[in-house]
């Protein structure tokens, strides 16, 4: 089942594999705070299936219960891969020097929804030459760590 375009005015963020993994492991207090804020304010968290898959692969056993809980939250929307989106994601991944289907799927979802990507690795997102930032003027990367954010490259809310 493919997600339809969000209704006008719907607010949300797209989680890339690093954001999903950070939520699972609790590596950053900001990732879990984002989930709390989303629950309190109704911000939708779009989780691309490929990002969730990478988080499952990279998560230690202790983090896996959080992945199950994340998927069950009312503000989380799982973005599936159908044939059309698989092609688009594959072509995005091909633009990079290494395959990263979770990041490419996050970029694809962010483009389609017009939402920002939450990431712990902005360089991975920006490594896709036709990144979201070149298509969506208001695109922002949210980094859930303090410091080392270059305001000339990344806007942080």
Protein backbone atom coordinates (compact mmCIF):
# COMPACT_ATOMS: atom_id res chain seq x y z
CA UNK A 1 0.00 0.00 0.00
CA UNK A 2 1.46 3.33 -1.09
CA UNK A 3 0.92 6.43 0.99
CA UNK A 4 -1.10 9.14 -0.72
CA UNK A 5 -0.06 12.76 -0.76
CA UNK A 6 -0.57 14.31 2.66
CA UNK A 7 -3.52 16.65 3.08
CA UNK A 8 -2.68 20.36 2.76
CA UNK A 9 -1.29 21.69 6.01
CA UNK A 10 -0.18 18.32 7.36
CA UNK A 11 3.10 18.70 9.20
CA UNK A 12 5.72 16.03 9.32
CA UNK A 13 9.30 14.88 9.16
CA UNK A 14 10.96 12.00 7.33
CA UNK A 15 13.29 9.82 9.40
CA UNK A 16 16.37 8.45 7.68
CA UNK A 17 18.14 5.26 8.89
CA UNK A 18 20.36 7.15 11.36
CA UNK A 19 17.36 8.84 12.96
CA UNK A 20 15.45 5.55 13.29
CA UNK A 21 18.52 3.81 14.72
CA UNK A 22 19.12 6.68 17.17
CA UNK A 23 15.53 6.35 18.39
CA UNK A 24 16.00 2.60 18.84
CA UNK A 25 19.31 2.85 20.69
CA UNK A 26 18.73 6.08 22.58
CA UNK A 27 22.14 7.24 21.36
CA UNK A 28 20.87 10.80 21.26
CA UNK A 29 18.39 12.39 23.66
CA UNK A 30 17.17 14.49 20.76
CA UNK A 31 15.85 11.57 18.75
CA UNK A 32 13.54 10.37 21.49
CA UNK A 33 12.60 13.97 22.30
CA UNK A 34 11.52 14.33 18.69
CA UNK A 35 9.16 11.38 19.13
CA UNK A 36 7.75 12.92 22.32
CA UNK A 37 7.19 16.27 20.60
CA UNK A 38 5.57 14.55 17.61
CA UNK A 39 3.18 12.72 19.92
CA UNK A 40 2.29 15.91 21.80
CA UNK A 41 1.81 18.10 18.74
CA UNK A 42 0.59 15.64 16.12
CA UNK A 43 3.60 15.96 13.83
CA UNK A 44 3.67 12.95 11.51
CA UNK A 45 6.89 10.92 11.37
CA UNK A 46 7.30 9.20 8.01
CA UNK A 47 9.51 6.13 8.29
CA UNK A 48 10.66 4.78 4.92
CA UNK A 49 10.61 0.97 4.86
CA UNK A 50 14.22 0.86 3.69
CA UNK A 51 15.29 3.08 6.61
CA UNK A 52 13.45 0.83 9.04
CA UNK A 53 15.11 -2.21 7.48
CA UNK A 54 18.57 -0.66 7.92
CA UNK A 55 17.74 0.24 11.53
CA UNK A 56 16.69 -3.36 12.24
CA UNK A 57 19.96 -4.57 10.71
CA UNK A 58 22.09 -2.11 12.69
CA UNK A 59 20.28 -2.20 16.01
CA UNK A 60 21.60 -4.19 18.94
CA UNK A 61 19.09 -6.59 20.50
CA UNK A 62 18.36 -4.08 23.28
CA UNK A 63 17.17 -1.50 20.74
CA UNK A 64 14.79 -3.73 18.83
CA UNK A 65 11.81 -3.35 21.21
CA UNK A 66 11.94 0.39 20.51
CA UNK A 67 11.69 -0.32 16.78
CA UNK A 68 8.52 -2.32 17.42
CA UNK A 69 7.09 0.48 19.59
CA UNK A 70 8.05 3.17 17.08
CA UNK A 71 6.15 1.42 14.33
CA UNK A 72 3.04 1.22 16.52
CA UNK A 73 2.90 4.93 17.40
CA UNK A 74 -0.13 6.81 16.06
CA UNK A 75 2.04 9.57 14.52
CA UNK A 76 4.26 7.14 12.59
CA UNK A 77 3.50 6.35 8.96
CA UNK A 78 5.44 3.54 7.32
CA UNK A 79 6.32 4.41 3.74
CA UNK A 80 6.28 1.21 1.71
CA UNK A 81 8.14 0.53 -1.51
CA UNK A 82 5.95 -0.32 -4.47
CA UNK A 83 7.28 -0.87 -7.98
CA UNK A 84 7.25 2.81 -8.94
CA UNK A 85 8.88 4.08 -5.76
CA UNK A 86 11.42 1.21 -5.80
CA UNK A 87 12.55 2.40 -9.22
CA UNK A 88 12.82 6.03 -8.04
CA UNK A 89 14.70 5.04 -4.88
CA UNK A 90 17.04 2.76 -6.83
CA UNK A 91 17.87 5.55 -9.26
CA UNK A 92 18.57 7.93 -6.39
CA UNK A 93 20.85 5.35 -4.74
CA UNK A 94 22.66 4.92 -8.07
CA UNK A 95 23.59 8.62 -8.00
CA UNK A 96 25.81 7.95 -4.98
CA UNK A 97 29.17 6.27 -4.96
CA UNK A 98 27.86 3.57 -2.61
CA UNK A 99 24.43 2.02 -2.20
CA UNK A 100 22.34 3.47 0.58
CA UNK A 101 18.77 2.52 -0.03
CA UNK A 102 17.54 3.81 3.34
CA UNK A 103 18.87 7.32 2.70
CA UNK A 104 17.65 7.28 -0.90
CA UNK A 105 14.19 6.16 0.24
CA UNK A 106 14.14 8.99 2.81
CA UNK A 107 15.07 11.51 0.09
CA UNK A 108 12.35 10.11 -2.18
CA UNK A 109 9.71 10.39 0.57
CA UNK A 110 10.87 13.91 1.52
CA UNK A 111 10.60 15.03 -2.10
CA UNK A 112 7.13 13.60 -2.50
CA UNK A 113 5.81 15.01 0.77
CA UNK A 114 7.77 18.26 0.76
CA UNK A 115 9.01 17.54 4.29
CA UNK A 116 12.37 17.80 5.99
CA UNK A 117 14.59 14.82 6.72
CA UNK A 118 15.71 14.08 10.27
CA UNK A 119 19.22 12.68 10.12
CA UNK A 120 22.33 12.12 12.17
CA UNK A 121 24.42 12.15 8.98
CA UNK A 122 23.55 15.11 6.73
CA UNK A 123 26.54 14.40 4.52
CA UNK A 124 24.95 11.10 3.45
CA UNK A 125 21.76 12.89 2.41
CA UNK A 126 23.62 15.68 0.66
CA UNK A 127 25.78 13.10 -1.19
CA UNK A 128 22.83 12.45 -3.49
CA UNK A 129 23.57 14.97 -6.27
CA UNK A 130 19.93 15.78 -6.92
CA UNK A 131 19.22 16.09 -3.23
CA UNK A 132 15.98 17.40 -1.84
CA UNK A 133 17.56 20.76 -1.11
CA UNK A 134 17.89 21.44 -4.82
CA UNK A 135 14.21 20.67 -5.41
CA UNK A 136 12.47 22.06 -2.34
CA UNK A 137 13.52 25.61 -1.46
CA UNK A 138 12.33 25.22 2.13
CA UNK A 139 14.00 21.83 2.63
CA UNK A 140 15.83 21.50 5.91
CA UNK A 141 17.88 18.76 7.48
CA UNK A 142 17.31 18.28 11.17
CA UNK A 143 20.33 17.07 13.05
CA UNK A 144 19.63 15.58 16.44
CA UNK A 145 23.03 16.31 17.91
CA UNK A 146 24.30 19.55 19.39
CA UNK A 147 26.94 21.50 17.57
CA UNK A 148 28.79 21.07 14.29
CA UNK A 149 25.86 22.27 12.21
CA UNK A 150 26.95 24.64 9.47
CA UNK A 151 24.15 27.23 9.11
CA UNK A 152 25.26 27.88 5.52
CA UNK A 153 24.38 24.31 4.60
CA UNK A 154 21.74 23.18 7.07
CA UNK A 155 18.79 24.98 8.51
CA UNK A 156 17.80 23.76 11.95
CA UNK A 157 14.46 24.55 13.58
